[in-house]
Amino acid sequence: MKGVNPQMTIWTILNPVFTAVLVWLAMWALKPWAGAKSGEKEKNPARKEDLDAIVAELRAVTIVQKEIEHKLSGEFWDRQVRWNQRRDAYIEIINSAEELSGLYAVLPGVIEKNALTRLNETLSQIHSAQQRFSRAITVTMLFGTPECALVLKPFSDSRRPLLSDPPTADWAKEECNRVASLVAGIVAEARRDLLS
């Protein structure tokens, strides 16, 4: 065989065909995997869009939650401040009423001893205590419950100022009993208001 390249054999002729068949088989075998891979690549942008929507929604919910927390904490603070004011008002009126009641209780003994200096001192103390008690009534009516205002109103309406003449022992006893009765009413209302 003259003219035939000795290097050329059957394998050399079939090699490109065999290679083409192998490549075709490999593509046929890998086609499902390649399709799935390209499908996954197509899904990634859709997933990212879904994730972005979820993150935006989560941010909106978080903002609303923070607003609600702020509103509730503000309402709680306001409620707590009002409760503290009511408590302080009840304490102030009870303390001033107890002081006034104590001074009224002392007054009959001072009147009976006819000690003019001691009487003037006691009347001055009663006057100061009445002023503190009057302020306490105003504060308690402002911060207390309507029921407490009802307890205080008859007392504040019927309070009688000390006369320029020396008061009698009976008057002092009556005032002492009225203030003690008022204290009992205020304590009952404060307990109901603050502990309920």
N, C-alpha and C. Protein backbone atom coordinates (compact mmCIF):
# COMPACT_ATOMS: atom_id res chain seq x y z
N MET A 1 0.79 -1.14 0.00
CA MET A 1 0.00 0.00 0.00
C MET A 1 0.85 1.23 0.00
N LYS A 2 0.98 1.50 -1.16
CA LYS A 2 1.76 2.67 -1.40
C LYS A 2 0.85 3.87 -1.36
N GLY A 3 1.19 4.87 -0.81
CA GLY A 3 0.37 6.07 -0.73
C GLY A 3 -0.44 6.12 0.55
N VAL A 4 -0.52 5.07 1.27
CA VAL A 4 -1.28 5.08 2.52
C VAL A 4 -0.31 5.40 3.63
N ASN A 5 -0.73 6.25 4.40
CA ASN A 5 0.10 6.63 5.54
C ASN A 5 0.08 5.49 6.53
N PRO A 6 1.24 5.01 6.90
CA PRO A 6 1.29 3.90 7.80
C PRO A 6 0.74 4.27 9.17
N GLN A 7 0.76 5.49 9.45
CA GLN A 7 0.28 5.92 10.76
C GLN A 7 -1.24 5.87 10.81
N MET A 8 -1.85 5.94 9.72
CA MET A 8 -3.27 5.97 9.67
C MET A 8 -3.79 4.55 9.82
N THR A 9 -4.53 4.38 10.84
CA THR A 9 -5.08 3.07 11.12
C THR A 9 -6.58 3.25 11.28
N ILE A 10 -7.19 2.20 11.57
CA ILE A 10 -8.64 2.22 11.74
C ILE A 10 -9.03 3.08 12.95
N TRP A 11 -8.20 3.00 13.92
CA TRP A 11 -8.47 3.79 15.14
C TRP A 11 -8.40 5.27 14.83
N THR A 12 -7.54 5.66 14.02
CA THR A 12 -7.42 7.05 13.69
C THR A 12 -8.65 7.51 12.93
N ILE A 13 -9.23 6.64 12.16
CA ILE A 13 -10.41 6.99 11.40
C ILE A 13 -11.63 7.02 12.32
N LEU A 14 -11.73 6.06 13.21
CA LEU A 14 -12.90 5.96 14.07
C LEU A 14 -12.81 6.86 15.32
N ASN A 15 -11.69 7.37 15.61
CA ASN A 15 -11.50 8.19 16.81
C ASN A 15 -12.45 9.38 16.84
N PRO A 16 -12.57 10.18 15.77
CA PRO A 16 -13.49 11.29 15.85
C PRO A 16 -14.94 10.84 16.01
N VAL A 17 -15.30 9.72 15.37
CA VAL A 17 -16.66 9.22 15.48
C VAL A 17 -16.90 8.75 16.91
N PHE A 18 -15.96 8.01 17.42
CA PHE A 18 -16.07 7.49 18.78
C PHE A 18 -16.13 8.64 19.79
N THR A 19 -15.35 9.65 19.61
CA THR A 19 -15.34 10.81 20.49
C THR A 19 -16.69 11.53 20.43
N ALA A 20 -17.24 11.67 19.22
CA ALA A 20 -18.53 12.32 19.06
C ALA A 20 -19.63 11.52 19.78
N VAL A 21 -19.57 10.19 19.65
CA VAL A 21 -20.55 9.34 20.32
C VAL A 21 -20.40 9.48 21.84
N LEU A 22 -19.19 9.48 22.35
CA LEU A 22 -18.95 9.62 23.79
C LEU A 22 -19.45 10.98 24.30
N VAL A 23 -19.21 12.02 23.55
CA VAL A 23 -19.67 13.34 23.96
C VAL A 23 -21.19 13.37 23.97
N TRP A 24 -21.79 12.76 22.91
CA TRP A 24 -23.26 12.73 22.85
C TRP A 24 -23.83 11.95 24.02
N LEU A 25 -23.24 10.81 24.38
CA LEU A 25 -23.70 10.00 25.52
C LEU A 25 -23.53 10.78 26.84
N ALA A 26 -22.42 11.47 26.95
CA ALA A 26 -22.19 12.24 28.17
C ALA A 26 -23.22 13.36 28.30
N MET A 27 -23.54 14.02 27.20
CA MET A 27 -24.53 15.09 27.23
C MET A 27 -25.92 14.52 27.54
N TRP A 28 -26.20 13.37 26.97
CA TRP A 28 -27.49 12.73 27.20
C TRP A 28 -27.62 12.34 28.68
N ALA A 29 -26.53 11.83 29.26
CA ALA A 29 -26.54 11.40 30.66
C ALA A 29 -26.59 12.62 31.61
N LEU A 30 -25.96 13.70 31.24
CA LEU A 30 -25.90 14.88 32.11
C LEU A 30 -27.02 15.88 31.86
N LYS A 31 -27.86 15.64 30.88
CA LYS A 31 -28.92 16.58 30.54
C LYS A 31 -29.86 16.85 31.72
N PRO A 32 -30.35 15.83 32.46
CA PRO A 32 -31.23 16.15 33.59
C PRO A 32 -30.54 17.00 34.66
N TRP A 33 -29.28 16.70 34.92
CA TRP A 33 -28.55 17.46 35.93
C TRP A 33 -28.35 18.91 35.46
N ALA A 34 -27.99 19.08 34.21
CA ALA A 34 -27.77 20.42 33.67
C ALA A 34 -29.08 21.21 33.67
N GLY A 35 -30.18 20.53 33.33
CA GLY A 35 -31.48 21.20 33.34
C GLY A 35 -31.87 21.63 34.75
N ALA A 36 -31.62 20.72 35.69
CA ALA A 36 -31.93 21.06 37.08
C ALA A 36 -31.07 22.22 37.56
N LYS A 37 -29.82 22.20 37.18
CA LYS A 37 -28.90 23.25 37.59
C LYS A 37 -29.34 24.60 37.02
N SER A 38 -29.72 24.61 35.75
CA SER A 38 -30.16 25.88 35.15
C SER A 38 -31.49 26.30 35.75
N GLY A 39 -32.36 25.34 36.10
CA GLY A 39 -33.63 25.67 36.76
C GLY A 39 -33.40 26.29 38.12
N GLU A 40 -32.43 25.75 38.84
CA GLU A 40 -32.07 26.32 40.15
C GLU A 40 -31.56 27.74 40.00
N LYS A 41 -30.77 27.99 38.96
CA LYS A 41 -30.25 29.33 38.73
C LYS A 41 -31.39 30.31 38.43
N GLU A 42 -32.42 29.81 37.74
CA GLU A 42 -33.56 30.66 37.44
C GLU A 42 -34.37 30.94 38.70
N LYS A 43 -34.42 29.99 39.63
CA LYS A 43 -35.19 30.15 40.86
C LYS A 43 -34.52 31.11 41.84
N ASN A 44 -33.22 31.22 41.81
CA ASN A 44 -32.49 32.08 42.76
C ASN A 44 -32.97 33.53 42.74
N PRO A 45 -33.13 34.16 41.56
CA PRO A 45 -33.65 35.54 41.58
C PRO A 45 -35.06 35.61 42.18
N ALA A 46 -35.90 34.61 41.90
CA ALA A 46 -37.25 34.60 42.46
C ALA A 46 -37.19 34.47 43.98
N ARG A 47 -36.31 33.60 44.45
CA ARG A 47 -36.14 33.45 45.91
C ARG A 47 -35.65 34.74 46.54
N LYS A 48 -34.73 35.41 45.88
CA LYS A 48 -34.21 36.67 46.41
C LYS A 48 -35.33 37.71 46.48
N GLU A 49 -36.19 37.76 45.47
CA GLU A 49 -37.31 38.69 45.50
C GLU A 49 -38.25 38.34 46.65
N ASP A 50 -38.54 37.04 46.84
CA ASP A 50 -39.39 36.62 47.96
C ASP A 50 -38.75 36.99 49.28
N LEU A 51 -37.46 36.78 49.41
CA LEU A 51 -36.74 37.10 50.64
C LEU A 51 -36.78 38.60 50.90
N ASP A 52 -36.60 39.40 49.85
CA ASP A 52 -36.68 40.86 50.01
C ASP A 52 -38.07 41.28 50.50
N ALA A 53 -39.12 40.65 49.96
CA ALA A 53 -40.48 40.97 50.39
C ALA A 53 -40.68 40.59 51.86
N ILE A 54 -40.16 39.44 52.27
CA ILE A 54 -40.29 38.99 53.65
C ILE A 54 -39.55 39.94 54.59
N VAL A 55 -38.35 40.35 54.20
CA VAL A 55 -37.56 41.27 55.03
C VAL A 55 -38.29 42.62 55.16
N ALA A 56 -38.87 43.11 54.07
CA ALA A 56 -39.61 44.38 54.12
C ALA A 56 -40.83 44.25 55.04
N GLU A 57 -41.53 43.14 54.94
CA GLU A 57 -42.70 42.92 55.79
C GLU A 57 -42.28 42.82 57.26
N LEU A 58 -41.18 42.14 57.52
CA LEU A 58 -40.68 42.00 58.89
C LEU A 58 -40.30 43.36 59.47
N ARG A 59 -39.69 44.21 58.64
CA ARG A 59 -39.35 45.56 59.10
C ARG A 59 -40.60 46.36 59.45
N ALA A 60 -41.63 46.24 58.62
CA ALA A 60 -42.88 46.96 58.88
C ALA A 60 -43.52 46.48 60.18
N VAL A 61 -43.51 45.17 60.40
CA VAL A 61 -44.07 44.62 61.64
C VAL A 61 -43.27 45.09 62.84
N THR A 62 -41.96 45.13 62.71
CA THR A 62 -41.10 45.58 63.80
C THR A 62 -41.38 47.05 64.14
N ILE A 63 -41.57 47.87 63.13
CA ILE A 63 -41.85 49.29 63.37
C ILE A 63 -43.17 49.44 64.11
N VAL A 64 -44.19 48.71 63.68
CA VAL A 64 -45.50 48.76 64.35
C VAL A 64 -45.37 48.28 65.79
N GLN A 65 -44.59 47.21 65.98
CA GLN A 65 -44.40 46.66 67.33
C GLN A 65 -43.72 47.71 68.23
N LYS A 66 -42.72 48.38 67.72
CA LYS A 66 -42.02 49.41 68.51
C LYS A 66 -42.98 50.56 68.86
N GLU A 67 -43.83 50.95 67.91
CA GLU A 67 -44.80 52.01 68.18
C GLU A 67 -45.76 51.59 69.28
N ILE A 68 -46.22 50.35 69.24
CA ILE A 68 -47.14 49.85 70.26
C ILE A 68 -46.44 49.81 71.61
N GLU A 69 -45.20 49.31 71.64
CA GLU A 69 -44.44 49.28 72.90
C GLU A 69 -44.28 50.68 73.47
N HIS A 70 -43.96 51.64 72.60
CA HIS A 70 -43.77 53.02 73.06
C HIS A 70 -45.07 53.58 73.62
N LYS A 71 -46.17 53.33 72.92
CA LYS A 71 -47.47 53.82 73.38
C LYS A 71 -47.84 53.19 74.72
N LEU A 72 -47.65 51.88 74.84
CA LEU A 72 -47.98 51.20 76.09
C LEU A 72 -47.11 51.68 77.23
N SER A 73 -45.82 51.86 76.97
CA SER A 73 -44.94 52.31 78.05
C SER A 73 -45.31 53.74 78.46
N GLY A 74 -45.70 54.58 77.50
CA GLY A 74 -46.14 55.93 77.83
C GLY A 74 -47.42 55.93 78.64
N GLU A 75 -48.37 55.07 78.26
CA GLU A 75 -49.62 54.96 79.02
C GLU A 75 -49.35 54.42 80.41
N PHE A 76 -48.45 53.45 80.52
CA PHE A 76 -48.12 52.89 81.83
C PHE A 76 -47.48 53.96 82.70
N TRP A 77 -46.56 54.74 82.12
CA TRP A 77 -45.90 55.79 82.89
C TRP A 77 -46.93 56.80 83.37
N ASP A 78 -47.84 57.21 82.49
CA ASP A 78 -48.87 58.18 82.86
C ASP A 78 -49.75 57.62 83.98
N ARG A 79 -50.15 56.36 83.84
CA ARG A 79 -51.00 55.73 84.86
C ARG A 79 -50.26 55.65 86.20
N GLN A 80 -48.96 55.32 86.14
CA GLN A 80 -48.16 55.21 87.37
C GLN A 80 -48.00 56.57 88.04
N VAL A 81 -47.77 57.62 87.26
CA VAL A 81 -47.63 58.96 87.83
C VAL A 81 -48.93 59.39 88.50
N ARG A 82 -50.05 59.12 87.85
CA ARG A 82 -51.35 59.47 88.44
C ARG A 82 -51.59 58.68 89.73
N TRP A 83 -51.23 57.41 89.72
CA TRP A 83 -51.39 56.59 90.92
C TRP A 83 -50.54 57.17 92.05
N ASN A 84 -49.29 57.55 91.74
CA ASN A 84 -48.41 58.14 92.75
C ASN A 84 -49.00 59.44 93.29
N GLN A 85 -49.59 60.27 92.41
CA GLN A 85 -50.20 61.52 92.86
C GLN A 85 -51.37 61.24 93.80
N ARG A 86 -52.21 60.26 93.43
CA ARG A 86 -53.34 59.92 94.30
C ARG A 86 -52.85 59.42 95.65
N ARG A 87 -51.85 58.55 95.63
CA ARG A 87 -51.30 58.02 96.89
C ARG A 87 -50.78 59.17 97.75
N ASP A 88 -50.00 60.06 97.15
CA ASP A 88 -49.44 61.19 97.91
C ASP A 88 -50.55 62.10 98.44
N ALA A 89 -51.60 62.31 97.64
CA ALA A 89 -52.72 63.15 98.09
C ALA A 89 -53.42 62.50 99.28
N TYR A 90 -53.65 61.18 99.20
CA TYR A 90 -54.30 60.50 100.32
C TYR A 90 -53.42 60.56 101.57
N ILE A 91 -52.14 60.38 101.40
CA ILE A 91 -51.23 60.45 102.56
C ILE A 91 -51.27 61.85 103.17
N GLU A 92 -51.23 62.86 102.31
CA GLU A 92 -51.22 64.24 102.80
C GLU A 92 -52.52 64.57 103.55
N ILE A 93 -53.66 64.17 102.99
CA ILE A 93 -54.92 64.53 103.66
C ILE A 93 -55.09 63.74 104.95
N ILE A 94 -54.67 62.49 104.96
CA ILE A 94 -54.78 61.70 106.19
C ILE A 94 -53.87 62.28 107.27
N ASN A 95 -52.64 62.62 106.90
CA ASN A 95 -51.71 63.20 107.88
C ASN A 95 -52.23 64.54 108.42
N SER A 96 -52.71 65.40 107.52
CA SER A 96 -53.18 66.71 108.00
C SER A 96 -54.47 66.56 108.81
N ALA A 97 -55.33 65.62 108.44
CA ALA A 97 -56.56 65.39 109.21
C ALA A 97 -56.22 64.82 110.59
N GLU A 98 -55.26 63.91 110.65
CA GLU A 98 -54.84 63.36 111.96
C GLU A 98 -54.25 64.46 112.84
N GLU A 99 -53.45 65.33 112.24
CA GLU A 99 -52.88 66.44 113.02
C GLU A 99 -53.99 67.35 113.55
N LEU A 100 -54.94 67.68 112.67
CA LEU A 100 -56.04 68.54 113.08
C LEU A 100 -56.89 67.88 114.16
N SER A 101 -57.15 66.60 113.99
CA SER A 101 -57.94 65.86 114.97
C SER A 101 -57.23 65.84 116.33
N GLY A 102 -55.92 65.64 116.30
CA GLY A 102 -55.15 65.65 117.55
C GLY A 102 -55.21 67.00 118.25
N LEU A 103 -55.14 68.08 117.47
CA LEU A 103 -55.22 69.41 118.07
C LEU A 103 -56.61 69.68 118.63
N TYR A 104 -57.65 69.25 117.93
CA TYR A 104 -59.01 69.39 118.45
C TYR A 104 -59.20 68.58 119.73
N ALA A 105 -58.54 67.42 119.79
CA ALA A 105 -58.65 66.57 121.00
C ALA A 105 -57.98 67.24 122.20
N VAL A 106 -56.92 67.99 121.97
CA VAL A 106 -56.21 68.67 123.06
C VAL A 106 -56.97 69.91 123.52
N LEU A 107 -57.69 70.53 122.62
CA LEU A 107 -58.33 71.82 122.89
C LEU A 107 -59.29 71.81 124.09
N PRO A 108 -60.15 70.82 124.31
CA PRO A 108 -61.05 70.87 125.48
C PRO A 108 -60.29 70.94 126.80
N GLY A 109 -59.18 70.20 126.91
CA GLY A 109 -58.39 70.26 128.14
C GLY A 109 -57.78 71.64 128.35
N VAL A 110 -57.33 72.26 127.27
CA VAL A 110 -56.75 73.61 127.37
C VAL A 110 -57.84 74.61 127.77
N ILE A 111 -59.03 74.45 127.21
CA ILE A 111 -60.14 75.35 127.53
C ILE A 111 -60.53 75.20 128.99
N GLU A 112 -60.60 73.97 129.48
CA GLU A 112 -61.00 73.73 130.87
C GLU A 112 -59.99 74.29 131.86
N LYS A 113 -58.69 74.25 131.49
CA LYS A 113 -57.66 74.78 132.40
C LYS A 113 -57.62 76.30 132.37
N ASN A 114 -58.29 76.86 131.37
CA ASN A 114 -58.35 78.30 131.23
C ASN A 114 -56.95 78.91 131.12
N ALA A 115 -56.08 78.22 130.42
CA ALA A 115 -54.72 78.70 130.20
C ALA A 115 -54.70 79.49 128.90
N LEU A 116 -54.74 80.81 129.06
CA LEU A 116 -54.87 81.69 127.90
C LEU A 116 -53.69 81.58 126.94
N THR A 117 -52.48 81.52 127.43
CA THR A 117 -51.30 81.42 126.56
C THR A 117 -51.33 80.12 125.78
N ARG A 118 -51.59 79.05 126.49
CA ARG A 118 -51.65 77.72 125.83
C ARG A 118 -52.82 77.67 124.85
N LEU A 119 -53.93 78.31 125.17
CA LEU A 119 -55.09 78.35 124.27
C LEU A 119 -54.74 79.08 122.98
N ASN A 120 -54.06 80.21 123.09
CA ASN A 120 -53.67 80.96 121.89
C ASN A 120 -52.70 80.15 121.02
N GLU A 121 -51.76 79.44 121.66
CA GLU A 121 -50.84 78.59 120.91
C GLU A 121 -51.60 77.48 120.19
N THR A 122 -52.51 76.84 120.90
CA THR A 122 -53.28 75.74 120.31
C THR A 122 -54.16 76.24 119.18
N LEU A 123 -54.81 77.40 119.38
CA LEU A 123 -55.65 77.96 118.31
C LEU A 123 -54.80 78.32 117.09
N SER A 124 -53.60 78.83 117.30
CA SER A 124 -52.69 79.14 116.19
C SER A 124 -52.28 77.86 115.44
N GLN A 125 -52.00 76.81 116.21
CA GLN A 125 -51.66 75.53 115.60
C GLN A 125 -52.86 74.96 114.82
N ILE A 126 -54.06 75.11 115.39
CA ILE A 126 -55.26 74.63 114.70
C ILE A 126 -55.46 75.41 113.40
N HIS A 127 -55.24 76.72 113.45
CA HIS A 127 -55.39 77.53 112.24
C HIS A 127 -54.41 77.07 111.15
N SER A 128 -53.16 76.86 111.52
CA SER A 128 -52.15 76.37 110.55
C SER A 128 -52.53 74.98 110.03
N ALA A 129 -52.98 74.13 110.94
CA ALA A 129 -53.37 72.76 110.54
C ALA A 129 -54.59 72.81 109.61
N GLN A 130 -55.52 73.73 109.87
CA GLN A 130 -56.68 73.87 108.99
C GLN A 130 -56.26 74.31 107.58
N GLN A 131 -55.28 75.19 107.50
CA GLN A 131 -54.80 75.63 106.19
C GLN A 131 -54.16 74.46 105.42
N ARG A 132 -53.32 73.68 106.12
CA ARG A 132 -52.71 72.50 105.48
C ARG A 132 -53.79 71.51 105.06
N PHE A 133 -54.77 71.34 105.93
CA PHE A 133 -55.86 70.40 105.65
C PHE A 133 -56.69 70.89 104.46
N SER A 134 -56.91 72.18 104.38
CA SER A 134 -57.66 72.75 103.26
C SER A 134 -56.92 72.52 101.94
N ARG A 135 -55.60 72.74 101.94
CA ARG A 135 -54.80 72.46 100.74
C ARG A 135 -54.86 70.98 100.39
N ALA A 136 -54.79 70.12 101.41
CA ALA A 136 -54.84 68.68 101.18
C ALA A 136 -56.19 68.26 100.59
N ILE A 137 -57.26 68.90 101.04
CA ILE A 137 -58.59 68.61 100.47
C ILE A 137 -58.59 68.96 98.99
N THR A 138 -58.04 70.13 98.65
CA THR A 138 -58.02 70.57 97.25
C THR A 138 -57.22 69.58 96.39
N VAL A 139 -56.05 69.18 96.86
CA VAL A 139 -55.22 68.25 96.09
C VAL A 139 -55.91 66.89 95.97
N THR A 140 -56.52 66.43 97.04
CA THR A 140 -57.19 65.13 97.00
C THR A 140 -58.40 65.17 96.10
N MET A 141 -59.13 66.27 96.09
CA MET A 141 -60.27 66.37 95.19
C MET A 141 -59.81 66.43 93.73
N LEU A 142 -58.61 66.96 93.51
CA LEU A 142 -58.06 67.03 92.16
C LEU A 142 -57.62 65.64 91.67
N PHE A 143 -56.89 64.90 92.50
CA PHE A 143 -56.32 63.62 92.07
C PHE A 143 -57.11 62.40 92.53
N GLY A 144 -57.96 62.57 93.52
CA GLY A 144 -58.70 61.42 94.04
C GLY A 144 -59.85 61.02 93.13
N THR A 145 -60.52 59.99 93.52
CA THR A 145 -61.67 59.49 92.75
C THR A 145 -62.89 60.36 93.02
N PRO A 146 -63.89 60.26 92.17
CA PRO A 146 -65.14 61.00 92.45
C PRO A 146 -65.77 60.58 93.79
N GLU A 147 -65.61 59.31 94.14
CA GLU A 147 -66.14 58.84 95.42
C GLU A 147 -65.44 59.54 96.59
N CYS A 148 -64.14 59.75 96.45
CA CYS A 148 -63.39 60.44 97.50
C CYS A 148 -63.84 61.90 97.60
N ALA A 149 -64.11 62.50 96.45
CA ALA A 149 -64.61 63.88 96.46
C ALA A 149 -65.94 63.95 97.19
N LEU A 150 -66.77 62.92 97.04
CA LEU A 150 -68.04 62.88 97.76
C LEU A 150 -67.83 62.77 99.27
N VAL A 151 -66.79 62.03 99.67
CA VAL A 151 -66.47 61.91 101.10
C VAL A 151 -66.00 63.27 101.63
N LEU A 152 -65.22 63.99 100.85
CA LEU A 152 -64.65 65.26 101.30
C LEU A 152 -65.62 66.44 101.21
N LYS A 153 -66.48 66.43 100.21
CA LYS A 153 -67.34 67.59 99.95
C LYS A 153 -68.16 68.02 101.15
N PRO A 154 -68.88 67.12 101.83
CA PRO A 154 -69.66 67.59 102.98
C PRO A 154 -68.79 68.23 104.06
N PHE A 155 -67.61 67.71 104.23
CA PHE A 155 -66.74 68.28 105.26
C PHE A 155 -66.25 69.66 104.85
N SER A 156 -65.82 69.79 103.61
CA SER A 156 -65.30 71.09 103.18
C SER A 156 -66.42 72.12 103.10
N ASP A 157 -67.64 71.68 102.75
CA ASP A 157 -68.77 72.61 102.70
C ASP A 157 -69.20 73.08 104.09
N SER A 158 -69.08 72.20 105.08
CA SER A 158 -69.62 72.54 106.40
C SER A 158 -68.53 72.91 107.40
N ARG A 159 -67.30 73.09 106.94
CA ARG A 159 -66.25 73.49 107.87
C ARG A 159 -66.56 74.85 108.46
N ARG A 160 -66.39 74.91 109.75
CA ARG A 160 -66.66 76.18 110.42
C ARG A 160 -65.35 76.77 110.91
N PRO A 161 -65.07 77.97 110.54
CA PRO A 161 -63.82 78.58 111.01
C PRO A 161 -63.90 78.85 112.51
N LEU A 162 -62.73 78.95 113.11
CA LEU A 162 -62.69 79.29 114.54
C LEU A 162 -63.23 80.71 114.72
N LEU A 163 -64.01 80.87 115.74
CA LEU A 163 -64.57 82.18 116.02
C LEU A 163 -63.53 83.03 116.72
N SER A 164 -63.73 84.31 116.72
CA SER A 164 -62.79 85.19 117.42
C SER A 164 -62.90 84.99 118.93
N ASP A 165 -64.10 84.61 119.38
CA ASP A 165 -64.26 84.29 120.81
C ASP A 165 -63.60 82.94 121.06
N PRO A 166 -63.16 82.67 122.22
CA PRO A 166 -62.59 81.34 122.47
C PRO A 166 -63.63 80.25 122.23
N PRO A 167 -63.26 79.19 121.54
CA PRO A 167 -64.22 78.11 121.26
C PRO A 167 -64.53 77.33 122.53
N THR A 168 -65.64 76.60 122.46
CA THR A 168 -66.04 75.80 123.62
C THR A 168 -65.45 74.41 123.51
N ALA A 169 -65.43 73.71 124.64
CA ALA A 169 -64.92 72.34 124.67
C ALA A 169 -65.83 71.42 123.86
N ASP A 170 -67.13 71.68 123.91
CA ASP A 170 -68.07 70.85 123.13
C ASP A 170 -67.82 71.01 121.62
N TRP A 171 -67.59 72.23 121.20
CA TRP A 171 -67.29 72.47 119.79
C TRP A 171 -66.03 71.72 119.38
N ALA A 172 -64.99 71.77 120.20
CA ALA A 172 -63.72 71.10 119.89
C ALA A 172 -63.93 69.58 119.80
N LYS A 173 -64.74 69.02 120.72
CA LYS A 173 -65.00 67.57 120.69
C LYS A 173 -65.78 67.20 119.42
N GLU A 174 -66.74 68.03 119.08
CA GLU A 174 -67.54 67.76 117.87
C GLU A 174 -66.65 67.79 116.62
N GLU A 175 -65.77 68.80 116.55
CA GLU A 175 -64.86 68.90 115.40
C GLU A 175 -63.88 67.72 115.37
N CYS A 176 -63.41 67.32 116.52
CA CYS A 176 -62.50 66.16 116.60
C CYS A 176 -63.19 64.91 116.05
N ASN A 177 -64.45 64.69 116.46
CA ASN A 177 -65.21 63.53 115.98
C ASN A 177 -65.47 63.61 114.47
N ARG A 178 -65.77 64.81 113.97
CA ARG A 178 -66.02 64.97 112.53
C ARG A 178 -64.77 64.64 111.72
N VAL A 179 -63.62 65.14 112.19
CA VAL A 179 -62.36 64.89 111.47
C VAL A 179 -62.00 63.40 111.54
N ALA A 180 -62.20 62.80 112.71
CA ALA A 180 -61.91 61.36 112.85
C ALA A 180 -62.81 60.54 111.92
N SER A 181 -64.07 60.93 111.81
CA SER A 181 -65.00 60.26 110.90
C SER A 181 -64.55 60.44 109.45
N LEU A 182 -64.08 61.63 109.13
CA LEU A 182 -63.58 61.90 107.79
C LEU A 182 -62.36 61.03 107.48
N VAL A 183 -61.45 60.93 108.45
CA VAL A 183 -60.25 60.10 108.25
C VAL A 183 -60.66 58.66 107.94
N ALA A 184 -61.63 58.14 108.66
CA ALA A 184 -62.09 56.76 108.42
C ALA A 184 -62.64 56.62 107.00
N GLY A 185 -63.41 57.61 106.56
CA GLY A 185 -63.95 57.57 105.19
C GLY A 185 -62.87 57.66 104.13
N ILE A 186 -61.88 58.52 104.37
CA ILE A 186 -60.78 58.68 103.40
C ILE A 186 -59.93 57.41 103.34
N VAL A 187 -59.64 56.84 104.49
CA VAL A 187 -58.85 55.61 104.52
C VAL A 187 -59.57 54.51 103.75
N ALA A 188 -60.86 54.37 103.95
CA ALA A 188 -61.63 53.34 103.24
C ALA A 188 -61.60 53.60 101.74
N GLU A 189 -61.77 54.85 101.32
CA GLU A 189 -61.75 55.17 99.90
C GLU A 189 -60.35 55.00 99.31
N ALA A 190 -59.32 55.41 100.04
CA ALA A 190 -57.94 55.25 99.56
C ALA A 190 -57.62 53.77 99.37
N ARG A 191 -58.04 52.96 100.32
CA ARG A 191 -57.80 51.51 100.22
C ARG A 191 -58.48 50.96 98.97
N ARG A 192 -59.74 51.37 98.76
CA ARG A 192 -60.48 50.88 97.59
C ARG A 192 -59.84 51.39 96.29
N ASP A 193 -59.43 52.65 96.29
CA ASP A 193 -58.88 53.26 95.08
C ASP A 193 -57.48 52.71 94.76
N LEU A 194 -56.61 52.67 95.74
CA LEU A 194 -55.21 52.31 95.48
C LEU A 194 -54.95 50.82 95.43
N LEU A 195 -55.73 50.04 96.13
CA LEU A 195 -55.44 48.60 96.19
C LEU A 195 -56.31 47.77 95.27
N SER A 196 -57.20 48.40 94.52
CA SER A 196 -58.04 47.61 93.60
C SER A 196 -57.51 47.66 92.20
